[in-house]
Amino acid sequence: MMVTMEIDPELSRRALDEAGQQYPEFAGRAKSVLARPLFRGFAWQVEWDGPPPGGQDAWEYQNAAVRAYKRLAGVTD
C-alpha cells in the first residue's frame, strides 16, 4: 500500500521563500514542494512553473527548499 503525504501549501510557500533568499535567481519560478510516493518513502522535489532550470544551483535551491519544508513541517526521514 502506497502512503501519501499531504503538502501544506503555506509551509511550501514559506520553504520556497526561504530557499529563494539563498538562491534569488529561482525566486518566483517554483510552484511548490512535492513528495512523490515511492515503494519506501518519498521522492522530494520542487514543482517548477515552466521547464525546470538546469545546473548545480537549481539542485541546491531544490535541496534547500525541501530541507526547509521538512524542518517547518516536522518531517523526519
N, C-alpha and C. Protein backbone atom coordinates (compact mmCIF):
# COMPACT_ATOMS: atom_id res chain seq x y z
N MET A 1 0.84 -1.18 0.00
CA MET A 1 0.00 0.00 0.00
C MET A 1 0.89 1.25 0.00
N MET A 2 0.64 2.15 -0.93
CA MET A 2 1.39 3.40 -1.02
C MET A 2 0.84 4.40 -0.02
N VAL A 3 1.73 5.03 0.70
CA VAL A 3 1.36 6.07 1.64
C VAL A 3 1.52 7.41 0.94
N THR A 4 0.56 8.29 1.13
CA THR A 4 0.66 9.62 0.53
C THR A 4 0.97 10.63 1.62
N MET A 5 1.51 11.76 1.20
CA MET A 5 1.80 12.83 2.13
C MET A 5 1.13 14.09 1.63
N GLU A 6 0.34 14.69 2.49
CA GLU A 6 -0.32 15.94 2.16
C GLU A 6 0.66 17.09 2.39
N ILE A 7 0.87 17.90 1.37
CA ILE A 7 1.77 19.04 1.46
C ILE A 7 0.96 20.26 1.89
N ASP A 8 1.41 20.91 2.95
CA ASP A 8 0.75 22.12 3.43
C ASP A 8 1.17 23.27 2.50
N PRO A 9 0.21 23.90 1.80
CA PRO A 9 0.56 24.95 0.84
C PRO A 9 1.28 26.14 1.47
N GLU A 10 0.90 26.51 2.69
CA GLU A 10 1.54 27.64 3.36
C GLU A 10 2.99 27.30 3.72
N LEU A 11 3.23 26.10 4.24
CA LEU A 11 4.60 25.70 4.56
C LEU A 11 5.43 25.57 3.30
N SER A 12 4.83 25.10 2.22
CA SER A 12 5.53 25.01 0.95
C SER A 12 5.96 26.40 0.48
N ARG A 13 5.06 27.35 0.56
CA ARG A 13 5.39 28.72 0.15
C ARG A 13 6.51 29.29 1.01
N ARG A 14 6.43 29.07 2.31
CA ARG A 14 7.48 29.55 3.21
C ARG A 14 8.82 28.91 2.92
N ALA A 15 8.81 27.61 2.63
CA ALA A 15 10.06 26.90 2.30
C ALA A 15 10.67 27.43 1.01
N LEU A 16 9.83 27.68 0.00
CA LEU A 16 10.33 28.22 -1.26
C LEU A 16 10.88 29.63 -1.07
N ASP A 17 10.21 30.43 -0.24
CA ASP A 17 10.70 31.78 0.05
C ASP A 17 12.04 31.73 0.75
N GLU A 18 12.17 30.82 1.70
CA GLU A 18 13.42 30.67 2.45
C GLU A 18 14.56 30.26 1.51
N ALA A 19 14.30 29.30 0.64
CA ALA A 19 15.33 28.87 -0.32
C ALA A 19 15.65 29.99 -1.30
N GLY A 20 14.64 30.78 -1.64
CA GLY A 20 14.84 31.90 -2.56
C GLY A 20 15.73 32.99 -2.00
N GLN A 21 15.85 33.07 -0.69
CA GLN A 21 16.76 34.04 -0.08
C GLN A 21 18.22 33.66 -0.38
N GLN A 22 18.49 32.36 -0.42
CA GLN A 22 19.84 31.87 -0.73
C GLN A 22 20.10 31.86 -2.24
N TYR A 23 19.06 31.58 -3.00
CA TYR A 23 19.18 31.45 -4.46
C TYR A 23 18.12 32.33 -5.12
N PRO A 24 18.32 33.65 -5.10
CA PRO A 24 17.27 34.57 -5.60
C PRO A 24 16.97 34.40 -7.09
N GLU A 25 17.89 33.83 -7.84
CA GLU A 25 17.63 33.65 -9.28
C GLU A 25 16.47 32.69 -9.54
N PHE A 26 16.08 31.89 -8.53
CA PHE A 26 14.97 30.95 -8.71
C PHE A 26 13.69 31.42 -8.02
N ALA A 27 13.75 32.53 -7.31
CA ALA A 27 12.57 33.05 -6.62
C ALA A 27 11.47 33.33 -7.64
N GLY A 28 10.29 32.85 -7.35
CA GLY A 28 9.16 33.06 -8.24
C GLY A 28 9.05 32.06 -9.37
N ARG A 29 10.04 31.18 -9.55
CA ARG A 29 9.98 30.18 -10.63
C ARG A 29 9.45 28.84 -10.14
N ALA A 30 9.46 28.65 -8.82
CA ALA A 30 8.99 27.38 -8.27
C ALA A 30 7.55 27.52 -7.79
N LYS A 31 6.76 26.46 -8.01
CA LYS A 31 5.35 26.49 -7.63
C LYS A 31 5.12 25.90 -6.24
N SER A 32 5.76 24.77 -5.94
CA SER A 32 5.53 24.12 -4.65
C SER A 32 6.57 23.03 -4.41
N VAL A 33 6.59 22.57 -3.17
CA VAL A 33 7.38 21.40 -2.80
C VAL A 33 6.47 20.19 -2.95
N LEU A 34 6.99 19.12 -3.51
CA LEU A 34 6.22 17.89 -3.71
C LEU A 34 6.88 16.72 -2.99
N ALA A 35 6.07 15.76 -2.58
CA ALA A 35 6.57 14.50 -2.03
C ALA A 35 5.88 13.39 -2.81
N ARG A 36 6.59 12.81 -3.76
CA ARG A 36 6.02 11.74 -4.59
C ARG A 36 6.29 10.40 -3.90
N PRO A 37 5.23 9.59 -3.71
CA PRO A 37 5.43 8.32 -3.01
C PRO A 37 6.27 7.33 -3.83
N LEU A 38 7.16 6.66 -3.13
CA LEU A 38 7.96 5.58 -3.69
C LEU A 38 7.54 4.29 -2.99
N PHE A 39 8.16 3.19 -3.37
CA PHE A 39 7.87 1.93 -2.69
C PHE A 39 8.12 2.09 -1.20
N ARG A 40 9.23 2.75 -0.86
CA ARG A 40 9.53 3.11 0.52
C ARG A 40 9.88 4.59 0.56
N GLY A 41 9.15 5.34 1.34
CA GLY A 41 9.46 6.75 1.49
C GLY A 41 8.90 7.61 0.37
N PHE A 42 9.58 8.73 0.15
CA PHE A 42 9.11 9.72 -0.82
C PHE A 42 10.28 10.28 -1.60
N ALA A 43 10.00 10.72 -2.82
CA ALA A 43 10.95 11.48 -3.62
C ALA A 43 10.53 12.94 -3.48
N TRP A 44 11.36 13.71 -2.81
CA TRP A 44 11.07 15.11 -2.57
C TRP A 44 11.61 15.94 -3.72
N GLN A 45 10.83 16.89 -4.19
CA GLN A 45 11.28 17.74 -5.27
C GLN A 45 10.48 19.03 -5.30
N VAL A 46 10.93 19.92 -6.15
CA VAL A 46 10.24 21.20 -6.36
C VAL A 46 9.50 21.11 -7.68
N GLU A 47 8.26 21.57 -7.69
CA GLU A 47 7.49 21.69 -8.93
C GLU A 47 7.73 23.09 -9.47
N TRP A 48 8.20 23.16 -10.70
CA TRP A 48 8.58 24.44 -11.32
C TRP A 48 7.43 24.99 -12.15
N ASP A 49 7.40 26.30 -12.28
CA ASP A 49 6.48 26.98 -13.18
C ASP A 49 7.21 27.04 -14.53
N GLY A 50 6.85 26.14 -15.42
CA GLY A 50 7.56 26.02 -16.70
C GLY A 50 8.63 24.95 -16.59
N PRO A 51 9.50 24.90 -17.59
CA PRO A 51 10.54 23.87 -17.57
C PRO A 51 11.52 24.10 -16.42
N PRO A 52 11.97 23.02 -15.79
CA PRO A 52 12.91 23.18 -14.68
C PRO A 52 14.26 23.72 -15.16
N PRO A 53 14.85 24.60 -14.37
CA PRO A 53 16.17 25.12 -14.75
C PRO A 53 17.22 24.03 -14.56
N GLY A 54 18.32 24.17 -15.25
CA GLY A 54 19.41 23.22 -15.12
C GLY A 54 20.53 23.79 -14.27
N GLY A 55 21.49 22.95 -14.00
CA GLY A 55 22.68 23.42 -13.29
C GLY A 55 22.68 23.08 -11.81
N GLN A 56 23.86 23.18 -11.24
CA GLN A 56 24.06 22.84 -9.83
C GLN A 56 23.25 23.75 -8.90
N ASP A 57 23.18 25.04 -9.21
CA ASP A 57 22.43 25.95 -8.33
C ASP A 57 20.95 25.60 -8.26
N ALA A 58 20.38 25.10 -9.35
CA ALA A 58 18.98 24.68 -9.32
C ALA A 58 18.80 23.49 -8.37
N TRP A 59 19.75 22.56 -8.40
CA TRP A 59 19.71 21.42 -7.47
C TRP A 59 19.85 21.90 -6.04
N GLU A 60 20.76 22.84 -5.81
CA GLU A 60 20.97 23.36 -4.46
C GLU A 60 19.72 24.09 -3.96
N TYR A 61 19.08 24.85 -4.84
CA TYR A 61 17.83 25.52 -4.48
C TYR A 61 16.77 24.49 -4.08
N GLN A 62 16.61 23.46 -4.91
CA GLN A 62 15.63 22.42 -4.62
C GLN A 62 15.94 21.76 -3.29
N ASN A 63 17.19 21.42 -3.04
CA ASN A 63 17.57 20.79 -1.78
C ASN A 63 17.29 21.71 -0.60
N ALA A 64 17.58 22.99 -0.74
CA ALA A 64 17.31 23.96 0.33
C ALA A 64 15.82 24.06 0.60
N ALA A 65 15.01 24.08 -0.45
CA ALA A 65 13.55 24.17 -0.29
C ALA A 65 13.00 22.92 0.40
N VAL A 66 13.47 21.76 0.00
CA VAL A 66 13.00 20.51 0.60
C VAL A 66 13.42 20.44 2.07
N ARG A 67 14.67 20.79 2.37
CA ARG A 67 15.12 20.78 3.77
C ARG A 67 14.28 21.75 4.61
N ALA A 68 14.01 22.93 4.06
CA ALA A 68 13.21 23.93 4.78
C ALA A 68 11.79 23.40 5.02
N TYR A 69 11.19 22.81 4.00
CA TYR A 69 9.83 22.29 4.17
C TYR A 69 9.79 21.21 5.25
N LYS A 70 10.72 20.28 5.17
CA LYS A 70 10.75 19.19 6.14
C LYS A 70 10.93 19.72 7.56
N ARG A 71 11.79 20.71 7.71
CA ARG A 71 12.02 21.31 9.03
C ARG A 71 10.74 22.00 9.52
N LEU A 72 10.12 22.82 8.65
CA LEU A 72 8.91 23.54 9.03
C LEU A 72 7.74 22.61 9.36
N ALA A 73 7.66 21.51 8.63
CA ALA A 73 6.54 20.56 8.82
C ALA A 73 6.85 19.51 9.88
N GLY A 74 8.09 19.48 10.38
CA GLY A 74 8.45 18.47 11.37
C GLY A 74 8.55 17.07 10.80
N VAL A 75 8.91 16.97 9.52
CA VAL A 75 9.03 15.67 8.86
C VAL A 75 10.43 15.13 9.09
N THR A 76 10.51 13.88 9.53
CA THR A 76 11.80 13.21 9.68
C THR A 76 11.80 11.99 8.78
N ASP A 77 12.96 11.68 8.27
CA ASP A 77 13.08 10.51 7.38
C ASP A 77 13.33 9.26 8.17
